[in-house]
């Protein structure tokens, strides 16, 4: 008997097992990959909408507080201080509007 016969048989057996294992392994298709990507995109869109709603709610509150500055002035706070507070709030409102626009573009 050929001494290489056992080695060849072992090699063929090992290759057969390797092929069977390779064929039995789960294969990822592009459908599964694209579905995972779509799912991730949808989750990001939901997060983006939540963020946008929060920004808009804060923006409404900030705009409503602009009326309070007139009340402070009537209550006796100096016009200079009221104007400084008003400018600071306007800057904050402008920043929130930019944040809202950015959030809308990302959705």
Protein backbone atom coordinates (compact mmCIF):
# COMPACT_ATOMS: atom_id res chain seq x y z
CA UNK A 1 0.00 0.00 0.00
CA UNK A 2 1.16 3.52 -0.80
CA UNK A 3 2.22 5.49 2.34
CA UNK A 4 0.81 8.65 0.74
CA UNK A 5 -2.61 7.02 0.49
CA UNK A 6 -3.49 7.70 4.13
CA UNK A 7 -2.29 11.31 3.87
CA UNK A 8 -4.34 11.89 0.74
CA UNK A 9 -7.41 10.34 2.35
CA UNK A 10 -6.97 12.52 5.45
CA UNK A 11 -6.53 15.61 3.28
CA UNK A 12 -9.63 14.78 1.23
CA UNK A 13 -11.59 14.15 4.41
CA UNK A 14 -10.41 17.47 5.90
CA UNK A 15 -11.27 19.34 2.70
CA UNK A 16 -14.70 17.70 2.58
CA UNK A 17 -15.39 18.77 6.18
CA UNK A 18 -14.16 22.30 5.40
CA UNK A 19 -16.43 22.56 2.34
CA UNK A 20 -19.43 21.26 4.30
CA UNK A 21 -18.75 23.79 7.06
CA UNK A 22 -18.38 26.62 4.56
CA UNK A 23 -21.67 25.74 2.87
CA UNK A 24 -23.48 25.39 6.19
CA UNK A 25 -22.34 28.81 7.46
CA UNK A 26 -24.95 31.56 7.21
CA UNK A 27 -24.54 33.70 4.15
CA UNK A 28 -25.33 37.39 4.36
CA UNK A 29 -27.17 38.71 1.36
CA UNK A 30 -27.41 42.30 0.27
CA UNK A 31 -31.07 42.28 1.31
CA UNK A 32 -30.10 41.65 4.93
CA UNK A 33 -27.42 44.31 4.79
CA UNK A 34 -29.69 46.89 3.18
CA UNK A 35 -32.48 46.09 5.64
CA UNK A 36 -30.08 46.67 8.52
CA UNK A 37 -29.01 49.96 6.97
CA UNK A 38 -32.64 51.03 6.48
CA UNK A 39 -33.42 50.12 10.07
CA UNK A 40 -30.49 52.22 11.28
CA UNK A 41 -31.61 55.11 9.07
CA UNK A 42 -35.14 54.90 10.48
CA UNK A 43 -33.81 54.93 14.04
CA UNK A 44 -31.71 58.01 13.26
CA UNK A 45 -34.76 59.73 11.75
CA UNK A 46 -36.79 59.03 14.89
CA UNK A 47 -33.99 60.43 17.05
CA UNK A 48 -33.78 63.43 14.75
CA UNK A 49 -37.52 64.08 15.08
CA UNK A 50 -37.33 63.87 18.87
CA UNK A 51 -34.45 66.32 18.87
CA UNK A 52 -36.30 68.67 16.51
CA UNK A 53 -39.44 68.62 18.66
CA UNK A 54 -37.37 69.45 21.73
CA UNK A 55 -35.64 72.34 19.94
CA UNK A 56 -38.97 73.74 18.73
CA UNK A 57 -40.50 73.48 22.20
CA UNK A 58 -37.51 75.33 23.71
CA UNK A 59 -37.68 77.89 20.91
CA UNK A 60 -41.37 78.59 21.65
CA UNK A 61 -40.58 79.03 25.35
CA UNK A 62 -37.73 81.41 24.57
CA UNK A 63 -39.90 83.48 22.23
CA UNK A 64 -42.61 83.66 24.87
CA UNK A 65 -40.11 84.94 27.41
CA UNK A 66 -39.41 87.98 25.22
CA UNK A 67 -42.70 89.44 26.50
CA UNK A 68 -41.39 89.17 30.06
CA UNK A 69 -38.71 91.76 29.34
CA UNK A 70 -41.36 94.43 28.80
CA UNK A 71 -42.86 93.48 32.16
CA UNK A 72 -39.44 93.78 33.82
CA UNK A 73 -39.00 97.24 32.37
CA UNK A 74 -42.43 98.28 33.63
CA UNK A 75 -41.53 96.86 37.05
CA UNK A 76 -38.59 99.25 37.29
CA UNK A 77 -35.56 97.45 35.83
CA UNK A 78 -33.34 99.82 33.89
CA UNK A 79 -33.83 99.99 30.13
CA UNK A 80 -30.12 99.25 29.62
CA UNK A 81 -30.35 95.98 31.59
CA UNK A 82 -33.56 94.97 29.85
CA UNK A 83 -32.02 95.62 26.43
CA UNK A 84 -28.94 93.56 27.37
CA UNK A 85 -31.18 90.67 28.46
CA UNK A 86 -33.27 91.04 25.31
CA UNK A 87 -30.16 90.88 23.07
CA UNK A 88 -28.91 87.80 24.90
CA UNK A 89 -32.28 86.09 24.44
CA UNK A 90 -32.37 87.07 20.74
CA UNK A 91 -28.92 85.49 20.30
CA UNK A 92 -30.16 82.35 22.03
CA UNK A 93 -33.27 82.26 19.81
CA UNK A 94 -31.14 82.69 16.68
CA UNK A 95 -28.90 79.82 17.78
CA UNK A 96 -31.91 77.58 18.42
CA UNK A 97 -33.34 78.45 14.98
CA UNK A 98 -30.03 77.43 13.40
CA UNK A 99 -30.11 74.20 15.42
CA UNK A 100 -33.67 73.53 14.22
CA UNK A 101 -32.68 74.10 10.59
CA UNK A 102 -29.70 71.77 11.00
CA UNK A 103 -31.94 69.10 12.59
CA UNK A 104 -34.44 69.41 9.73
CA UNK A 105 -31.70 68.99 7.13
CA UNK A 106 -30.40 65.88 8.89
CA UNK A 107 -33.82 64.22 8.88
